[in-house]
Amino acid sequence: MATVPNIIANLAGGNQPAALLDQNWAACLVAANNLSDVANAAAALANLGGQAQTAVTSWTPIDSSGASLSFTNVDAAYQTIGNFVHAYFSLTFPATASGASTLIGGLPTAAVNGNRGNVAAFLQMTGGSTSAYGVLIKNSTTFGLWNPSGAARYTNANVTACTFSGMLIYPTT
């Protein structure tokens, strides 16, 4: 079975310490392995680099579009390792006709104020007619959902009753 610790051990080749692996890349592997496996992800990443880290903690995604939407089926957690936040989430948009651009807030820490703070999110979208990606807004705790084919942000109505699962890894300093 491909568990997160086994993947990291295989990548390290048995002779290299896992600390040499890039933390962000390892976290991407964690997401590809199992997005909901936050506890295993935290345990595997705890061995990387000896970085200061926080315990896995929940966070609450909120609607920051101005439409006062309430998400359902919310499952969200994060861990800070060094100056990077690893935030995982799953949520469902309500049925809405709101034409406001999607904007999800409530991330635990603001992204760095600089272009490296504009990071993309890995997302899985179910219930929609197309795919989506997320973009964190620098110097904020919010991110928008974008249509990859049109390079425009979705409106809330575009994603009515859609479920998104994903992760953001972003620098705070």
C-alpha atoms as a PDB file:
ATOM      1  CA  MET A   1       0.000   0.000   0.000  1.00  0.00           C
ATOM      2  CA  ALA A   2       1.326   3.443  -0.890  1.00  0.00           C
ATOM      3  CA  THR A   3       1.270   5.326   2.389  1.00  0.00           C
ATOM      4  CA  VAL A   4       2.756   8.771   2.785  1.00  0.00           C
ATOM      5  CA  PRO A   5       5.734   7.565   4.899  1.00  0.00           C
ATOM      6  CA  ASN A   6       6.454   4.796   2.346  1.00  0.00           C
ATOM      7  CA  ILE A   7       6.363   7.261  -0.566  1.00  0.00           C
ATOM      8  CA  ILE A   8       8.767   9.594   1.215  1.00  0.00           C
ATOM      9  CA  ALA A   9      11.073   6.708   2.180  1.00  0.00           C
ATOM     10  CA  ASN A  10      11.128   5.467  -1.428  1.00  0.00           C
ATOM     11  CA  LEU A  11      11.889   8.936  -2.767  1.00  0.00           C
ATOM     12  CA  ALA A  12      14.716   9.317  -0.292  1.00  0.00           C
ATOM     13  CA  GLY A  13      16.188   6.093  -1.724  1.00  0.00           C
ATOM     14  CA  GLY A  14      16.890   4.684   1.699  1.00  0.00           C
ATOM     15  CA  ASN A  15      20.327   6.364   1.752  1.00  0.00           C
ATOM     16  CA  GLN A  16      19.284  10.000   1.803  1.00  0.00           C
ATOM     17  CA  PRO A  17      17.558  11.505   4.816  1.00  0.00           C
ATOM     18  CA  ALA A  18      13.989  12.512   4.118  1.00  0.00           C
ATOM     19  CA  ALA A  19      14.954  16.010   5.316  1.00  0.00           C
ATOM     20  CA  LEU A  20      16.537  16.592   1.912  1.00  0.00           C
ATOM     21  CA  LEU A  21      13.166  16.394   0.188  1.00  0.00           C
ATOM     22  CA  ASP A  22      11.468  19.666  -0.574  1.00  0.00           C
ATOM     23  CA  GLN A  23       8.609  20.104   1.898  1.00  0.00           C
ATOM     24  CA  ASN A  24       6.207  21.515  -0.657  1.00  0.00           C
ATOM     25  CA  TRP A  25       6.819  18.681  -3.078  1.00  0.00           C
ATOM     26  CA  ALA A  26       6.264  16.120  -0.335  1.00  0.00           C
ATOM     27  CA  ALA A  27       3.031  17.861   0.621  1.00  0.00           C
ATOM     28  CA  CYS A  28       1.864  17.659  -2.997  1.00  0.00           C
ATOM     29  CA  LEU A  29       2.496  13.912  -2.854  1.00  0.00           C
ATOM     30  CA  VAL A  30       0.452  13.777   0.319  1.00  0.00           C
ATOM     31  CA  ALA A  31      -2.444  15.450  -1.456  1.00  0.00           C
ATOM     32  CA  ALA A  32      -2.190  13.123  -4.416  1.00  0.00           C
ATOM     33  CA  ASN A  33      -2.119  10.130  -2.072  1.00  0.00           C
ATOM     34  CA  ASN A  34      -5.157  11.048  -0.002  1.00  0.00           C
ATOM     35  CA  LEU A  35      -6.431  14.587   0.577  1.00  0.00           C
ATOM     36  CA  SER A  36      -8.360  13.659   3.696  1.00  0.00           C
ATOM     37  CA  ASP A  37      -5.379  11.983   5.380  1.00  0.00           C
ATOM     38  CA  VAL A  38      -4.278  15.092   7.280  1.00  0.00           C
ATOM     39  CA  ALA A  39      -2.963  13.173  10.316  1.00  0.00           C
ATOM     40  CA  ASN A  40      -0.726  10.955   8.174  1.00  0.00           C
ATOM     41  CA  ALA A  41       0.413  14.006   6.227  1.00  0.00           C
ATOM     42  CA  ALA A  42       1.404  15.790   9.422  1.00  0.00           C
ATOM     43  CA  ALA A  43       3.289  12.756  10.727  1.00  0.00           C
ATOM     44  CA  ALA A  44       5.198  12.316   7.459  1.00  0.00           C
ATOM     45  CA  LEU A  45       6.048  15.995   7.137  1.00  0.00           C
ATOM     46  CA  ALA A  46       7.158  16.144  10.775  1.00  0.00           C
ATOM     47  CA  ASN A  47      10.316  14.296   9.762  1.00  0.00           C
ATOM     48  CA  LEU A  48      11.257  16.779   7.057  1.00  0.00           C
ATOM     49  CA  GLY A  49      13.904  19.351   7.771  1.00  0.00           C
ATOM     50  CA  GLY A  50      13.362  19.753  11.500  1.00  0.00           C
ATOM     51  CA  GLN A  51      11.268  22.861  10.837  1.00  0.00           C
ATOM     52  CA  ALA A  52       9.239  24.416  13.628  1.00  0.00           C
ATOM     53  CA  GLN A  53       5.676  23.280  13.234  1.00  0.00           C
ATOM     54  CA  THR A  54       2.248  23.527  14.773  1.00  0.00           C
ATOM     55  CA  ALA A  55      -0.176  20.727  15.528  1.00  0.00           C
ATOM     56  CA  VAL A  56      -2.825  19.947  12.921  1.00  0.00           C
ATOM     57  CA  THR A  57      -5.650  22.375  13.661  1.00  0.00           C
ATOM     58  CA  SER A  58      -9.030  23.031  12.087  1.00  0.00           C
ATOM     59  CA  TRP A  59      -9.917  26.235  10.243  1.00  0.00           C
ATOM     60  CA  THR A  60     -13.285  27.464   8.993  1.00  0.00           C
ATOM     61  CA  PRO A  61     -13.672  28.483   5.330  1.00  0.00           C
ATOM     62  CA  ILE A  62     -16.028  31.454   4.984  1.00  0.00           C
ATOM     63  CA  ASP A  63     -17.655  33.215   2.055  1.00  0.00           C
ATOM     64  CA  SER A  64     -15.772  36.464   1.428  1.00  0.00           C
ATOM     65  CA  SER A  65     -17.586  37.336  -1.824  1.00  0.00           C
ATOM     66  CA  GLY A  66     -20.102  39.564  -0.069  1.00  0.00           C
ATOM     67  CA  ALA A  67     -23.013  37.224  -0.878  1.00  0.00           C
ATOM     68  CA  SER A  68     -23.297  35.901   2.719  1.00  0.00           C
ATOM     69  CA  LEU A  69     -23.206  32.258   1.584  1.00  0.00           C
ATOM     70  CA  SER A  70     -22.979  29.376   4.059  1.00  0.00           C
ATOM     71  CA  PHE A  71     -20.874  26.409   2.952  1.00  0.00           C
ATOM     72  CA  THR A  72     -21.933  22.892   3.898  1.00  0.00           C
ATOM     73  CA  ASN A  73     -20.052  19.609   4.325  1.00  0.00           C
ATOM     74  CA  VAL A  74     -17.034  21.583   5.526  1.00  0.00           C
ATOM     75  CA  ASP A  75     -13.895  19.701   6.518  1.00  0.00           C
ATOM     76  CA  ALA A  76     -10.786  21.869   6.852  1.00  0.00           C
ATOM     77  CA  ALA A  77      -7.458  21.589   8.669  1.00  0.00           C
ATOM     78  CA  TYR A  78      -4.000  23.145   8.487  1.00  0.00           C
ATOM     79  CA  GLN A  79      -0.506  22.843   9.833  1.00  0.00           C
ATOM     80  CA  THR A  80       2.267  25.425   9.794  1.00  0.00           C
ATOM     81  CA  ILE A  81       5.744  24.105   9.045  1.00  0.00           C
ATOM     82  CA  GLY A  82       8.453  26.737   9.115  1.00  0.00           C
ATOM     83  CA  ASN A  83       7.036  29.762   7.301  1.00  0.00           C
ATOM     84  CA  PHE A  84       4.641  27.675   5.160  1.00  0.00           C
ATOM     85  CA  VAL A  85       0.982  27.001   5.856  1.00  0.00           C
ATOM     86  CA  HIS A  86      -0.377  23.667   4.573  1.00  0.00           C
ATOM     87  CA  ALA A  87      -4.172  24.147   4.437  1.00  0.00           C
ATOM     88  CA  TYR A  88      -6.525  21.342   3.343  1.00  0.00           C
ATOM     89  CA  PHE A  89     -10.265  21.688   2.817  1.00  0.00           C
ATOM     90  CA  SER A  90     -13.472  20.287   1.399  1.00  0.00           C
ATOM     91  CA  LEU A  91     -16.688  22.308   1.143  1.00  0.00           C
ATOM     92  CA  THR A  92     -19.927  22.522  -0.826  1.00  0.00           C
ATOM     93  CA  PHE A  93     -21.353  25.768  -2.188  1.00  0.00           C
ATOM     94  CA  PRO A  94     -25.075  26.379  -1.584  1.00  0.00           C
ATOM     95  CA  ALA A  95     -27.571  26.810  -4.417  1.00  0.00           C
ATOM     96  CA  THR A  96     -27.356  30.503  -5.316  1.00  0.00           C
ATOM     97  CA  ALA A  97     -27.952  32.961  -8.123  1.00  0.00           C
ATOM     98  CA  SER A  98     -25.318  35.365  -6.802  1.00  0.00           C
ATOM     99  CA  GLY A  99     -23.251  36.916  -9.583  1.00  0.00           C
ATOM    100  CA  ALA A 100     -20.480  37.912  -7.170  1.00  0.00           C
ATOM    101  CA  SER A 101     -17.045  36.464  -7.926  1.00  0.00           C
ATOM    102  CA  THR A 102     -16.130  33.505  -5.719  1.00  0.00           C
ATOM    103  CA  LEU A 103     -13.918  34.370  -2.809  1.00  0.00           C
ATOM    104  CA  ILE A 104     -13.239  31.958   0.040  1.00  0.00           C
ATOM    105  CA  GLY A 105     -11.719  33.357   3.212  1.00  0.00           C
ATOM    106  CA  GLY A 106     -10.848  32.298   6.699  1.00  0.00           C
ATOM    107  CA  LEU A 107      -7.387  30.871   6.036  1.00  0.00           C
ATOM    108  CA  PRO A 108      -5.468  30.713   9.316  1.00  0.00           C
ATOM    109  CA  THR A 109      -2.641  33.108   8.377  1.00  0.00           C
ATOM    110  CA  ALA A 110      -2.230  35.749   5.687  1.00  0.00           C
ATOM    111  CA  ALA A 111      -0.018  34.984   2.706  1.00  0.00           C
ATOM    112  CA  VAL A 112       3.163  36.975   2.264  1.00  0.00           C
ATOM    113  CA  ASN A 113       2.748  40.411   0.660  1.00  0.00           C
ATOM    114  CA  GLY A 114       4.527  39.875  -2.641  1.00  0.00           C
ATOM    115  CA  ASN A 115       4.067  38.033  -5.891  1.00  0.00           C
ATOM    116  CA  ARG A 116       5.181  34.791  -4.263  1.00  0.00           C
ATOM    117  CA  GLY A 117       2.040  35.120  -2.127  1.00  0.00           C
ATOM    118  CA  ASN A 118      -0.138  34.545  -5.221  1.00  0.00           C
ATOM    119  CA  VAL A 119      -0.028  30.748  -5.198  1.00  0.00           C
ATOM    120  CA  ALA A 120      -2.291  28.274  -6.959  1.00  0.00           C
ATOM    121  CA  ALA A 121      -4.386  25.704  -5.138  1.00  0.00           C
ATOM    122  CA  PHE A 122      -4.732  22.079  -6.088  1.00  0.00           C
ATOM    123  CA  LEU A 123      -8.494  21.481  -6.397  1.00  0.00           C
ATOM    124  CA  GLN A 124     -10.929  18.728  -7.183  1.00  0.00           C
ATOM    125  CA  MET A 125     -14.375  19.945  -8.254  1.00  0.00           C
ATOM    126  CA  THR A 126     -17.451  17.739  -8.322  1.00  0.00           C
ATOM    127  CA  GLY A 127     -20.906  18.686  -9.511  1.00  0.00           C
ATOM    128  CA  GLY A 128     -19.809  21.237 -12.097  1.00  0.00           C
ATOM    129  CA  SER A 129     -19.528  21.086 -15.845  1.00  0.00           C
ATOM    130  CA  THR A 130     -15.825  21.933 -15.918  1.00  0.00           C
ATOM    131  CA  SER A 131     -12.780  22.075 -13.655  1.00  0.00           C
ATOM    132  CA  ALA A 132     -11.394  24.815 -11.457  1.00  0.00           C
ATOM    133  CA  TYR A 133      -8.254  26.039  -9.803  1.00  0.00           C
ATOM    134  CA  GLY A 134      -7.788  28.348  -6.860  1.00  0.00           C
ATOM    135  CA  VAL A 135      -5.529  31.374  -6.533  1.00  0.00           C
ATOM    136  CA  LEU A 136      -4.544  32.768  -3.150  1.00  0.00           C
ATOM    137  CA  ILE A 137      -4.554  36.558  -2.967  1.00  0.00           C
ATOM    138  CA  LYS A 138      -1.264  37.914  -1.625  1.00  0.00           C
ATOM    139  CA  ASN A 139      -1.275  39.601   1.791  1.00  0.00           C
ATOM    140  CA  SER A 140      -4.690  38.088   2.574  1.00  0.00           C
ATOM    141  CA  THR A 141      -6.438  35.047   3.981  1.00  0.00           C
ATOM    142  CA  THR A 142      -8.627  34.602   0.887  1.00  0.00           C
ATOM    143  CA  PHE A 143      -8.548  32.793  -2.445  1.00  0.00           C
ATOM    144  CA  GLY A 144     -10.748  32.777  -5.540  1.00  0.00           C
ATOM    145  CA  LEU A 145     -11.945  29.929  -7.757  1.00  0.00           C
ATOM    146  CA  TRP A 146     -10.992  30.274 -11.415  1.00  0.00           C
ATOM    147  CA  ASN A 147     -12.135  28.702 -14.667  1.00  0.00           C
ATOM    148  CA  PRO A 148      -8.999  27.319 -16.358  1.00  0.00           C
ATOM    149  CA  SER A 149     -10.477  27.484 -19.859  1.00  0.00           C
ATOM    150  CA  GLY A 150     -11.410  31.153 -19.690  1.00  0.00           C
ATOM    151  CA  ALA A 151      -8.892  32.371 -17.114  1.00  0.00           C
ATOM    152  CA  ALA A 152     -11.676  34.219 -15.304  1.00  0.00           C
ATOM    153  CA  ARG A 153     -12.896  33.875 -11.760  1.00  0.00           C
ATOM    154  CA  TYR A 154     -16.118  31.904 -11.345  1.00  0.00           C
ATOM    155  CA  THR A 155     -19.182  33.602  -9.955  1.00  0.00           C
ATOM    156  CA  ASN A 156     -21.003  31.999  -7.049  1.00  0.00           C
ATOM    157  CA  ALA A 157     -23.828  31.062  -9.451  1.00  0.00           C
ATOM    158  CA  ASN A 158     -21.316  29.204 -11.676  1.00  0.00           C
ATOM    159  CA  VAL A 159     -20.441  26.855  -8.809  1.00  0.00           C
ATOM    160  CA  THR A 160     -23.872  26.459  -7.214  1.00  0.00           C
ATOM    161  CA  ALA A 161     -24.093  23.110  -5.359  1.00  0.00           C
ATOM    162  CA  CYS A 162     -20.518  22.168  -6.392  1.00  0.00           C
ATOM    163  CA  THR A 163     -18.105  20.543  -3.958  1.00  0.00           C
ATOM    164  CA  PHE A 164     -14.446  21.525  -3.862  1.00  0.00           C
ATOM    165  CA  SER A 165     -11.632  19.619  -2.173  1.00  0.00           C
ATOM    166  CA  GLY A 166      -8.125  20.939  -2.251  1.00  0.00           C
ATOM    167  CA  MET A 167      -5.018  22.217  -0.589  1.00  0.00           C
ATOM    168  CA  LEU A 168      -2.998  25.396  -0.460  1.00  0.00           C
ATOM    169  CA  ILE A 169       0.659  25.578   0.493  1.00  0.00           C
ATOM    170  CA  TYR A 170       1.756  29.158   0.882  1.00  0.00           C
ATOM    171  CA  PRO A 171       4.499  31.277   2.460  1.00  0.00           C
ATOM    172  CA  THR A 172       3.717  33.650   5.302  1.00  0.00           C
ATOM    173  CA  THR A 173       7.063  35.497   5.348  1.00  0.00           C
END
